[in-house]
Protein backbone atom coordinates (compact mmCIF):
# COMPACT_ATOMS: atom_id res chain seq x y z
CA MET A 1 24.53 -5.76 -25.51
CA PHE A 2 24.17 -9.07 -26.30
CA LYS A 3 21.72 -11.03 -28.98
CA THR A 4 19.88 -14.14 -28.59
CA ASP A 5 19.79 -16.72 -31.75
CA LYS A 6 16.87 -17.88 -30.28
CA THR A 7 14.48 -14.97 -30.48
CA MET A 8 16.96 -12.27 -32.15
CA GLU A 9 15.82 -9.66 -29.13
CA HIS A 10 18.22 -7.30 -27.66
CA ILE A 11 19.31 -8.31 -24.00
CA SER A 12 20.75 -5.56 -22.10
CA ILE A 13 20.86 -4.34 -18.52
CA GLY A 14 17.55 -4.29 -16.70
CA SER A 15 15.74 -6.58 -19.44
CA ARG A 16 13.02 -8.40 -17.92
CA ILE A 17 13.25 -12.38 -18.83
CA GLU A 18 10.89 -15.40 -18.09
CA CYS A 19 12.57 -19.07 -17.44
CA GLU A 20 10.70 -22.11 -16.42
CA GLU A 21 7.61 -19.66 -15.61
CA HIS A 22 9.77 -17.88 -13.35
CA ILE A 23 10.32 -14.01 -14.00
CA ALA A 24 14.00 -12.22 -13.02
CA THR A 25 15.69 -8.84 -14.47
CA VAL A 26 18.97 -8.86 -16.15
CA LEU A 27 21.80 -7.28 -13.88
CA TYR A 28 24.79 -9.00 -15.89
CA VAL A 29 25.46 -9.63 -19.14
CA GLY A 30 29.21 -11.57 -20.18
CA GLU A 31 31.46 -14.16 -19.22
CA VAL A 32 32.30 -16.07 -16.52
CA PRO A 33 36.00 -16.85 -16.04
CA GLY A 34 36.37 -20.83 -16.00
CA THR A 35 33.44 -21.39 -18.70
CA LYS A 36 32.54 -21.16 -22.25
CA GLY A 37 30.09 -18.67 -23.64
CA ILE A 38 27.72 -15.76 -22.06
CA TRP A 39 26.26 -15.65 -19.45
CA LEU A 40 22.96 -13.58 -17.95
CA GLY A 41 22.96 -13.04 -14.26
CA VAL A 42 19.63 -11.96 -13.25
CA GLU A 43 17.75 -11.54 -10.06
CA TRP A 44 14.80 -13.16 -9.32
CA ASP A 45 11.32 -11.57 -8.37
CA ASP A 46 11.05 -14.69 -6.05
CA PRO A 47 13.95 -13.97 -3.73
CA THR A 48 13.97 -17.71 -2.73
CA ARG A 49 14.54 -19.03 -6.01
CA GLY A 50 18.06 -17.87 -6.50
CA LYS A 51 21.16 -19.17 -5.28
CA HIS A 52 23.69 -15.63 -4.46
CA ASP A 53 23.65 -12.62 -4.12
CA GLY A 54 25.67 -12.22 -7.72
CA THR A 55 29.42 -12.94 -6.20
CA HIS A 56 30.67 -16.66 -7.60
CA GLU A 57 33.80 -17.99 -6.77
CA GLY A 58 34.68 -14.41 -4.76
CA ILE A 59 34.18 -12.17 -7.72
CA ARG A 60 30.98 -10.29 -7.79
CA TYR A 61 29.80 -10.12 -11.37
CA PHE A 62 26.50 -7.87 -10.15
CA LYS A 63 24.22 -7.28 -6.56
CA THR A 64 21.00 -8.65 -5.35
CA GLU A 65 18.57 -6.98 -3.02
CA TYR A 66 18.35 -10.33 -1.14
CA PRO A 67 20.91 -12.29 -0.13
CA LYS A 68 19.94 -15.68 -2.19
CA SER A 69 17.85 -14.05 -5.45
CA GLY A 70 20.65 -13.81 -7.72
CA SER A 71 21.74 -16.70 -10.31
CA PHE A 72 23.70 -17.30 -13.79
CA ILE A 73 21.38 -18.44 -16.76
CA ARG A 74 22.44 -19.18 -20.14
CA PRO A 75 20.57 -16.67 -22.27
CA LYS A 76 19.30 -19.23 -24.75
CA LYS A 77 16.88 -20.34 -21.35
CA ALA A 78 15.43 -16.65 -21.47
CA ILE A 79 12.17 -15.77 -22.82
CA LEU A 80 12.25 -12.03 -23.56
CA GLY A 81 8.95 -11.44 -24.09
CA ARG A 82 6.82 -10.28 -26.97
CA SER A 83 4.07 -7.20 -27.99
CA PHE A 84 1.03 -6.42 -26.45
CA VAL A 85 -0.94 -7.07 -29.87
CA ASP A 86 0.93 -10.15 -30.47
CA ALA A 87 -0.66 -11.66 -26.83
CA LEU A 88 -4.00 -9.95 -27.43
CA GLN A 89 -4.14 -12.12 -30.89
CA ASP A 90 -3.34 -15.16 -29.32
CA ARG A 91 -5.52 -14.57 -26.70
CA TYR A 92 -8.67 -13.18 -28.42
CA ILE A 93 -8.86 -13.70 -32.29
CA MET A 94 -9.13 -16.86 -33.84
CA LYS A 95 -5.82 -18.99 -35.64
CA GLU A 96 -5.76 -19.78 -39.01
CA ASN A 97 -6.00 -23.13 -38.27
CA ASP A 98 -8.91 -22.86 -36.24
CA GLN A 99 -12.29 -25.08 -37.38
CA THR A 100 -14.28 -21.83 -39.12
CA ALA A 101 -10.97 -20.38 -40.98
CA ALA A 102 -12.20 -20.02 -44.43
CA SER A 103 -9.49 -22.58 -45.70
CA GLU A 104 -10.95 -24.99 -43.71
CA MET A 105 -14.63 -24.79 -44.19
CA TYR A 106 -16.47 -28.44 -45.12
CA ILE A 107 -20.04 -29.82 -45.45
CA VAL A 108 -21.93 -32.72 -43.78
CA SER A 109 -23.66 -34.90 -45.97
CA LYS A 110 -26.88 -36.98 -44.77
CA ASN A 111 -24.31 -40.00 -44.54
CA GLN A 112 -22.02 -38.08 -42.51
CA LYS A 113 -19.72 -37.59 -45.79
CA ILE A 114 -17.32 -34.81 -45.04
CA THR A 115 -16.16 -32.66 -48.01
CA ASN A 116 -14.02 -29.37 -48.17
CA VAL A 117 -15.39 -26.33 -49.49
CA GLU A 118 -13.12 -24.61 -51.74
CA PHE A 119 -13.59 -20.98 -52.69
CA VAL A 120 -12.19 -19.42 -55.94
CA GLY A 121 -11.94 -15.76 -57.29
CA ALA A 122 -13.84 -13.23 -55.46
CA GLU A 123 -15.65 -15.70 -53.00
CA THR A 124 -11.70 -16.64 -51.56
CA VAL A 125 -11.64 -12.40 -51.49
CA ASN A 126 -14.77 -11.76 -50.16
CA MET A 127 -14.35 -14.79 -47.37
CA LYS A 128 -11.43 -13.47 -46.54
CA GLN A 129 -12.74 -10.23 -45.88
CA ARG A 130 -15.34 -11.30 -43.84
CA TYR A 131 -13.16 -13.00 -41.53
CA GLU A 132 -10.86 -10.10 -41.24
CA ASN A 133 -13.73 -8.16 -40.28
CA MET A 134 -14.80 -10.46 -37.59
CA TYR A 135 -11.41 -10.32 -35.93
CA VAL A 136 -11.68 -6.83 -36.13
CA SER A 137 -15.48 -6.73 -34.54
CA ARG A 138 -13.74 -8.69 -31.59
CA PHE A 139 -11.25 -6.08 -30.78
CA THR A 140 -13.68 -3.48 -31.17
CA ASN A 141 -16.18 -4.77 -28.89
CA LEU A 142 -13.69 -5.47 -25.83
CA VAL A 143 -14.52 -3.99 -22.85
CA GLN A 144 -12.25 -6.15 -20.71
CA ILE A 145 -8.53 -7.66 -21.53
CA SER A 146 -7.28 -9.69 -19.44
CA LEU A 147 -3.26 -10.79 -20.90
CA ARG A 148 -2.08 -11.76 -16.92
CA GLN A 149 1.58 -13.89 -17.57
CA CYS A 150 1.50 -13.78 -20.81
CA GLN A 151 4.90 -12.26 -21.33
CA VAL A 152 4.39 -8.74 -23.14
CA SER A 153 7.08 -6.57 -22.75
CA SER A 154 6.34 -3.95 -25.36
CA ALA A 155 3.03 -2.21 -26.92
CA GLY A 156 3.24 -2.92 -30.87
CA GLU A 157 1.48 -1.36 -33.26
CA ILE A 158 -1.80 -0.97 -31.42
CA GLY A 159 -3.53 1.95 -33.04
CA ASP A 160 -7.62 2.03 -32.36
CA ALA A 161 -7.97 -1.67 -32.10
CA VAL A 162 -9.35 -1.63 -29.10
CA PRO A 163 -11.31 1.71 -28.47
CA ALA A 164 -13.58 -0.24 -25.56
CA VAL A 165 -11.49 -1.60 -23.24
CA GLU A 166 -12.66 -0.45 -19.98
CA GLU A 167 -10.52 -3.37 -17.50
CA LEU A 168 -7.06 -4.48 -18.39
CA ASP A 169 -5.06 -6.82 -16.85
CA LEU A 170 -1.00 -6.83 -17.36
CA SER A 171 -0.17 -8.82 -13.86
CA ARG A 172 2.97 -10.57 -14.07
CA ASN A 173 4.24 -9.71 -17.36
CA LEU A 174 7.87 -8.39 -18.67
CA PHE A 175 7.43 -4.50 -18.92
CA SER A 176 10.56 -3.10 -17.16
CA SER A 177 9.34 0.57 -16.94
CA TRP A 178 6.24 2.58 -16.88
CA CYS A 179 6.67 4.03 -20.42
CA ILE A 180 5.81 1.02 -22.20
CA VAL A 181 2.94 0.42 -20.25
CA ALA A 182 1.62 4.50 -21.17
CA LYS A 183 2.43 3.61 -24.65
CA ILE A 184 -0.42 0.87 -24.27
CA CYS A 185 -2.75 2.45 -21.99
CA GLY A 186 -2.32 6.05 -24.49
CA HIS A 187 -4.83 4.23 -26.71
CA LEU A 188 -7.44 2.95 -24.41
CA PRO A 189 -9.27 6.14 -24.27
CA VAL A 190 -12.15 4.86 -21.77
CA LEU A 191 -9.89 2.42 -19.29
CA ARG A 192 -10.89 3.13 -16.03
CA GLU A 193 -8.97 0.19 -14.46
CA LEU A 194 -5.39 -1.34 -14.72
CA ASN A 195 -3.78 -4.23 -12.89
CA LEU A 196 -0.25 -4.10 -12.76
CA SER A 197 0.60 -6.11 -10.22
CA GLU A 198 4.09 -8.27 -10.17
CA ASN A 199 6.00 -6.29 -12.57
CA ARG A 200 8.88 -4.40 -11.77
CA LEU A 201 8.46 -1.14 -13.05
CA SER A 202 11.12 1.80 -13.20
CA LEU A 203 10.01 5.39 -12.75
CA PRO A 204 10.58 7.59 -15.53
CA ASP A 205 11.87 10.66 -14.59
CA SER A 206 8.85 13.31 -16.30
CA LEU A 207 6.35 11.34 -14.60
CA SER A 208 3.70 14.08 -15.88
CA GLU A 209 3.96 13.65 -19.36
CA TYR A 210 2.62 10.45 -19.04
CA ALA A 211 -0.47 11.61 -17.41
CA GLN A 212 -2.87 11.84 -20.47
CA ALA A 213 -2.53 8.06 -20.87
CA PHE A 214 -4.34 7.05 -17.95
CA PHE A 215 -6.36 10.13 -17.90
CA LYS A 216 -9.91 8.23 -16.73
CA VAL A 217 -8.07 5.81 -14.99
CA HIS A 218 -9.46 5.61 -11.10
CA THR A 219 -8.64 2.05 -10.12
CA VAL A 220 -5.36 0.67 -9.80
CA TYR A 221 -3.67 -2.42 -8.49
CA MET A 222 -0.15 -2.62 -7.84
CA ASN A 223 0.19 -5.56 -5.41
CA ARG A 224 3.46 -7.33 -5.19
CA MET A 225 5.79 -5.04 -7.15
CA ASP A 226 8.32 -4.63 -4.91
CA TYR A 227 7.69 -0.37 -4.00
CA SER A 228 8.08 1.65 -1.18
CA TRP A 229 5.55 4.53 0.00
CA GLU A 230 7.57 7.13 -1.89
CA GLU A 231 7.85 5.19 -5.21
CA ILE A 232 4.14 4.53 -4.59
CA ILE A 233 3.31 8.32 -4.45
CA ARG A 234 5.52 9.34 -7.44
CA SER A 235 3.42 7.28 -9.60
CA THR A 236 0.61 9.20 -8.74
CA GLN A 237 2.10 11.89 -10.52
CA MET A 238 0.76 9.73 -14.09
CA LEU A 239 -2.14 8.30 -11.96
CA GLN A 240 -3.91 11.88 -11.65
CA ASN A 241 -7.66 10.59 -11.02
CA LEU A 242 -7.42 7.57 -8.41
CA ARG A 243 -10.43 6.71 -6.74
CA GLN A 244 -9.25 3.06 -5.78
CA LEU A 245 -5.41 2.19 -4.89
CA HIS A 246 -4.69 -1.47 -4.00
CA VAL A 247 -0.93 -1.93 -3.00
CA CYS A 248 -0.80 -4.90 -1.13
CA TYR A 249 2.79 -6.61 -0.17
CA ASN A 250 5.19 -4.17 -0.96
CA LYS A 251 7.58 -2.29 0.59
CA ILE A 252 5.57 0.15 2.78
CA SER A 253 6.45 0.87 5.80
CA THR A 254 6.03 4.14 6.21
CA VAL A 255 3.82 6.89 5.09
CA SER A 256 5.73 9.66 4.64
CA GLN A 257 3.60 12.09 2.77
CA LEU A 258 -0.29 11.66 1.12
CA GLY A 259 0.97 13.66 -2.43
CA HIS A 260 -1.05 15.77 -4.38
CA TYR A 261 -3.19 12.88 -5.99
CA LEU A 262 -4.38 10.78 -3.54
CA GLY A 263 -7.19 13.64 -2.45
CA GLN A 264 -10.01 12.12 -4.18
CA LEU A 265 -9.05 8.30 -2.96
CA ARG A 266 -12.10 6.53 -1.83
CA MET A 267 -10.52 3.33 -0.86
CA ILE A 268 -7.06 2.28 -0.30
CA ASN A 269 -5.60 -1.28 0.02
CA LEU A 270 -2.25 -1.95 2.21
CA GLU A 271 -2.55 -5.77 2.96
CA GLY A 272 0.72 -7.04 4.10
CA ASN A 273 2.75 -4.06 3.91
CA PRO A 274 5.27 -4.19 7.24
CA VAL A 275 4.14 -0.83 8.46
CA ARG A 276 3.58 -1.88 12.29
CA CYS A 277 3.09 1.20 14.21
CA TRP A 278 -0.36 2.99 13.71
CA ASP A 279 0.89 6.58 13.44
CA GLU A 280 1.76 5.99 10.04
CA VAL A 281 -2.17 4.25 9.34
CA LEU A 282 -3.64 7.66 10.73
CA LYS A 283 -1.41 9.89 8.20
CA LEU A 284 -4.37 8.52 5.85
CA GLY A 285 -6.50 9.84 8.19
CA GLU A 286 -6.06 12.98 6.20
CA LEU A 287 -7.96 11.67 3.16
CA PRO A 288 -10.86 13.51 2.97
CA PHE A 289 -13.03 11.13 1.17
CA LEU A 290 -11.38 7.49 2.33
CA GLN A 291 -14.20 5.13 3.03
CA THR A 292 -12.60 1.77 2.61
CA LEU A 293 -9.61 1.02 4.57
CA LEU A 294 -7.78 -2.38 4.31
CA LEU A 295 -4.87 -3.22 6.94
CA ASN A 296 -4.93 -7.34 7.27
CA ASP A 297 -1.56 -8.84 7.98
CA MET A 298 0.73 -5.79 8.42
CA LYS A 299 2.18 -6.63 11.53
CA LEU A 300 0.25 -3.81 13.41
CA GLU A 301 0.92 -3.29 16.92
CA GLY A 302 -1.94 -1.19 18.27
CA ILE A 303 -4.72 1.51 17.56
CA LYS A 304 -4.43 4.56 19.18
CA PHE A 305 -6.13 8.22 18.20
CA SER A 306 -3.79 10.58 20.22
CA ASP A 307 -6.54 13.90 19.75
CA VAL A 308 -9.47 11.83 21.44
CA ASP A 309 -9.71 9.65 24.54
CA PHE A 310 -11.58 6.27 23.62
CA SER A 311 -14.85 7.34 23.99
CA GLN A 312 -14.88 10.47 21.92
CA ARG A 313 -15.17 11.21 18.08
CA THR A 314 -11.75 11.26 16.34
CA ARG A 315 -11.10 13.81 13.79
CA TYR A 316 -9.38 11.32 11.27
CA PHE A 317 -11.20 9.24 8.76
CA PRO A 318 -13.92 11.52 8.13
CA LYS A 319 -15.96 9.64 5.52
CA LEU A 320 -14.79 6.16 6.81
CA GLU A 321 -17.51 3.34 6.59
CA SER A 322 -15.65 0.24 5.88
CA LEU A 323 -12.36 -1.14 8.52
CA SER A 324 -10.24 -4.30 7.89
CA ILE A 325 -7.61 -5.52 10.36
CA SER A 326 -7.42 -8.91 10.75
CA ASP A 327 -4.64 -10.92 11.09
CA ASN A 328 -2.15 -8.38 12.94
CA ASN A 329 0.12 -8.00 16.06
CA ILE A 330 -2.94 -6.56 18.15
CA SER A 331 -4.13 -8.07 21.63
CA GLN A 332 -6.92 -10.50 20.67
CA ILE A 333 -10.63 -9.75 22.53
CA THR A 334 -11.97 -12.88 23.76
CA ARG A 335 -16.23 -12.83 23.72
CA VAL A 336 -16.05 -12.56 26.66
CA GLU A 337 -14.79 -9.07 26.82
CA ARG A 338 -15.96 -8.30 23.53
CA ARG A 339 -19.83 -8.96 25.00
CA GLY A 340 -19.05 -6.82 28.33
CA SER A 341 -17.99 -3.81 25.84
CA GLU A 342 -20.82 -4.32 23.88
CA LEU A 343 -22.99 -4.19 27.22
CA ASP A 344 -21.54 -1.40 28.50
CA TYR A 345 -21.59 0.87 25.12
CA LEU A 346 -25.56 -0.15 25.47
CA ARG A 347 -25.75 1.43 28.62
CA LYS A 348 -23.66 4.23 28.57
CA TYR A 349 -25.26 5.66 25.44
CA GLY A 350 -28.76 4.23 26.27
CA LYS A 351 -30.09 7.80 28.03
CA MET A 352 -28.96 9.49 24.70
CA TRP A 353 -31.10 6.84 22.62
CA ARG A 354 -34.10 7.23 24.68
CA GLN A 355 -33.78 11.27 24.52
CA SER A 356 -33.39 10.94 20.57
CA GLY A 357 -36.54 8.64 20.21
CA GLY A 358 -35.41 5.40 21.36
CA HIS A 359 -37.35 3.01 23.04
CA GLN A 360 -38.10 -0.63 24.57
CA ASP A 361 -40.89 -1.10 22.59
CA PRO A 362 -40.12 -2.36 18.74
CA GLN A 363 -43.27 -0.36 17.79
CA LYS A 364 -41.98 2.87 19.19
CA ASN A 365 -38.44 2.58 18.93
CA LYS A 366 -37.50 5.46 16.17
CA PRO A 367 -33.98 6.90 17.13
CA SER A 368 -33.01 9.89 15.66
CA GLU A 369 -31.01 10.16 12.07
CA GLN A 370 -28.40 11.77 13.75
CA PHE A 371 -27.86 9.03 16.64
CA LEU A 372 -28.01 5.97 14.31
CA ARG A 373 -25.58 7.99 12.12
CA ASP A 374 -23.33 8.49 15.78
CA HIS A 375 -23.65 5.52 16.80
CA PRO A 376 -24.45 3.02 13.75
CA ARG A 377 -24.26 -0.93 15.66
CA TYR A 378 -26.30 0.27 18.65
CA GLN A 379 -29.83 -0.86 16.62
CA GLU A 380 -27.78 -3.86 15.69
CA LEU A 381 -26.52 -4.49 19.55
CA ILE A 382 -30.12 -4.05 21.23
CA ASP A 383 -30.71 -6.95 18.67
CA MET A 384 -28.09 -8.99 19.72
CA TYR A 385 -28.30 -8.15 23.68
CA GLY A 386 -32.17 -6.40 24.22
CA ALA A 387 -32.39 -2.88 24.81
CA PRO A 388 -31.19 -1.09 28.07
CA GLU A 389 -34.19 -0.76 30.49
CA ASP A 390 -34.81 2.87 32.00
CA SER A 391 -34.09 1.70 35.50
CA GLU A 392 -30.22 1.31 33.91
CA LEU A 393 -29.88 4.60 33.04
CA LYS A 394 -30.96 6.67 35.75
CA GLU A 395 -28.06 8.84 37.15
CA GLU A 396 -26.75 7.81 40.71
CA SER A 397 -25.38 10.43 43.13
CA THR A 398 -21.39 10.16 43.52
CA ALA A 399 -21.70 9.16 46.70
CA LEU A 400 -23.40 5.21 45.70
CA LYS A 401 -20.84 5.17 42.19
CA ASN A 402 -18.24 5.19 45.39
CA SER A 403 -19.93 3.12 47.77
CA LEU A 404 -18.33 -0.25 48.29
CA ILE A 405 -20.10 -3.81 49.46
CA SER A 406 -18.19 -6.29 51.28
CA VAL A 407 -19.51 -9.69 49.61
CA MET A 408 -18.33 -13.41 49.91
CA LEU A 409 -17.54 -15.12 46.60
CA GLU A 410 -17.73 -19.22 46.67
CA CYS A 411 -18.23 -21.67 43.89
CA PRO A 412 -20.23 -24.79 44.76
CA HIS A 413 -18.65 -26.69 41.35
CA LEU A 414 -15.02 -26.01 43.65
CA PRO A 415 -16.02 -27.41 47.17
CA ASN A 416 -12.02 -27.10 48.30
CA LYS A 417 -11.92 -23.96 47.07
CA ALA A 418 -12.51 -21.58 50.21
CA PRO A 419 -14.85 -18.77 49.99
CA VAL A 420 -13.01 -15.58 48.69
CA LYS A 421 -13.85 -12.32 50.41
CA LYS A 422 -13.97 -9.12 48.03
CA LYS A 423 -15.24 -5.62 48.22
CA LEU A 424 -17.27 -4.45 45.10
CA PRO A 425 -18.62 -1.41 43.99
CA VAL A 426 -22.58 -1.84 43.87
CA THR A 427 -22.59 -0.03 40.32
CA MET A 428 -20.46 -3.15 39.00
CA THR A 429 -22.78 -4.88 35.94
CA VAL A 430 -23.26 -8.49 36.56
CA GLN A 431 -21.28 -8.75 33.23
CA LYS A 432 -18.17 -7.79 34.92
CA LEU A 433 -18.62 -10.07 37.80
CA LYS A 434 -18.62 -12.99 35.65
CA SER A 435 -15.76 -11.41 34.10
CA LEU A 436 -14.13 -11.74 37.97
CA ALA A 437 -15.40 -14.91 38.29
CA GLN A 438 -13.56 -15.81 35.27
CA ARG A 439 -10.50 -15.00 36.65
CA LEU A 440 -11.03 -16.22 40.14
CA TYR A 441 -12.36 -20.19 38.76
CA LYS A 442 -11.11 -20.30 35.18
CA ALA A 443 -14.83 -20.83 33.94
CA ASP A 444 -16.54 -19.60 31.10
CA PRO A 445 -18.48 -16.69 31.41
CA LEU A 446 -20.95 -17.93 28.26
CA VAL A 447 -22.47 -20.80 30.76
CA MET A 448 -22.04 -19.14 34.03
CA THR A 449 -24.66 -18.41 36.21
CA ILE A 450 -24.80 -16.12 39.68
CA SER A 451 -27.34 -15.99 42.62
CA TYR A 452 -27.00 -14.70 45.85
CA SER A 453 -27.86 -15.49 48.80
CA SER A 454 -28.41 -12.66 51.71
CA GLN A 455 -28.36 -13.43 55.90
CA LYS A 456 -31.72 -11.28 56.14
CA MET A 457 -33.83 -14.06 53.71
CA LEU A 458 -32.07 -17.29 54.61
CA GLY A 459 -32.19 -20.16 52.50
CA THR A 460 -33.29 -18.36 49.62
CA ASP A 461 -30.99 -17.49 45.90
CA ILE A 462 -31.70 -14.77 43.88
CA ASN A 463 -30.19 -15.06 40.82
CA MET A 464 -29.12 -12.34 38.76
CA GLU A 465 -29.87 -12.70 35.62
CA SER A 466 -29.35 -9.63 33.45
CA ASP A 467 -25.77 -9.37 32.39
CA GLN A 468 -26.67 -5.48 31.91
CA LYS A 469 -27.80 -5.01 35.15
CA GLU A 470 -25.61 -3.88 38.19
CA ILE A 471 -25.42 -5.95 41.59
CA GLY A 472 -27.06 -2.97 43.58
CA TYR A 473 -29.97 -3.24 41.25
CA TYR A 474 -30.81 -7.13 43.28
CA SER A 475 -29.87 -5.02 45.89
CA VAL A 476 -26.80 -7.60 47.09
CA GLU A 477 -25.57 -6.24 50.12
CA ASP A 478 -22.65 -6.26 52.74
CA GLY A 479 -22.42 -9.72 54.16
CA ASP A 480 -24.20 -11.28 51.42
CA THR A 481 -23.10 -14.64 49.63
CA ILE A 482 -22.24 -14.58 46.18
CA HIS A 483 -22.88 -17.93 44.35
CA ILE A 484 -20.86 -18.80 41.01
CA ASN A 485 -22.63 -21.90 39.27
CA TRP A 486 -22.20 -23.26 35.40
């Protein structure tokens, strides 16, 4: 143990300190040969702030997790923290030197002369009581409390001072253990939302003993706490009524188990964790009530549902309504590819849409609720591209589907490029023909137009205007020439 002259607080291994607005954990207290006095060996929360890993001139004093996250500092530079109660008073009540304090009350005359007012005897006592009651009233009515980065390290004498608090932000403070957080939350009987982000909290052995302190908490933020998934699951033994869980930018790379207390979870935010493998994410698909899943910036390398092919409904994520998956290592889909896939989707389920009550006439378009549940974006795609025509939805014989025609592709814009002979299925859509032309001529399909000329109608170009229609719809035949323009 080492006691600082500055704060008269005890520093020990595991203490959390602040220095120049940066937070660290004390891993060594003692002398360093060649110097005078006591040093603190610390590991910074910011792993780039330090100079070494706890080794100095060949001697190891402590061990850091990252190679450059350790430093030695003098105890006088360390801020050791204060109680929740002290921070609360500083943030939410008026100081004794506020203008409205009783000792500084004054009146202003007509000529702007200021005269101090002094209360004596019983009036002084009554005035003080009124101000004390006002302070108490401020605490009593607080519903939201934010003490972010307020150097809180202990609870203090809270009592029933803040009985109405529903949302509490304790992010980036100097707590060292969940035990201290539980002492605070145990005095907040209606607490619903708790933010503990950017703290380094050790987990107690008897986790269930602290569950009562968080009994009504349903939303928890534990971002940037350096936790693994196993530590997240252990912490849920204290958080038994979770509905929303934010665990961004931790050390989660695998999802080993779901635990007992995630069963009622509606939303989980895993942004910034190095998961990479979709199979790990798929384990969350067993959560029966999960509605929102945020997977941004996780280095995911692909999405695959092993239980079904792309056209079927997976059994995973039965209640999922919202998925956010940007900034991953998944192949980017171009505008052209997306448009083509959406048009294919319209055609693929067009017959089912019509059978359920869908119609090209907006006044008659009344697809069933079941269809809309199964295909929630279908109407949106109709609004974008138009409804599929009945002629596009007719079943064709196997012979027709498999038939190929031999055509010439030419581009008037590139006269030096020789025409290309291709065999195309008559069932190829104009959209897919544009994708083929994009690869051949490096042209933008969004501004591309396609027509064809037939040996049977010399001198006539027939425009193929609808991307959704098959080239067979336009009666393209063997020997015809398709013209690519933009």
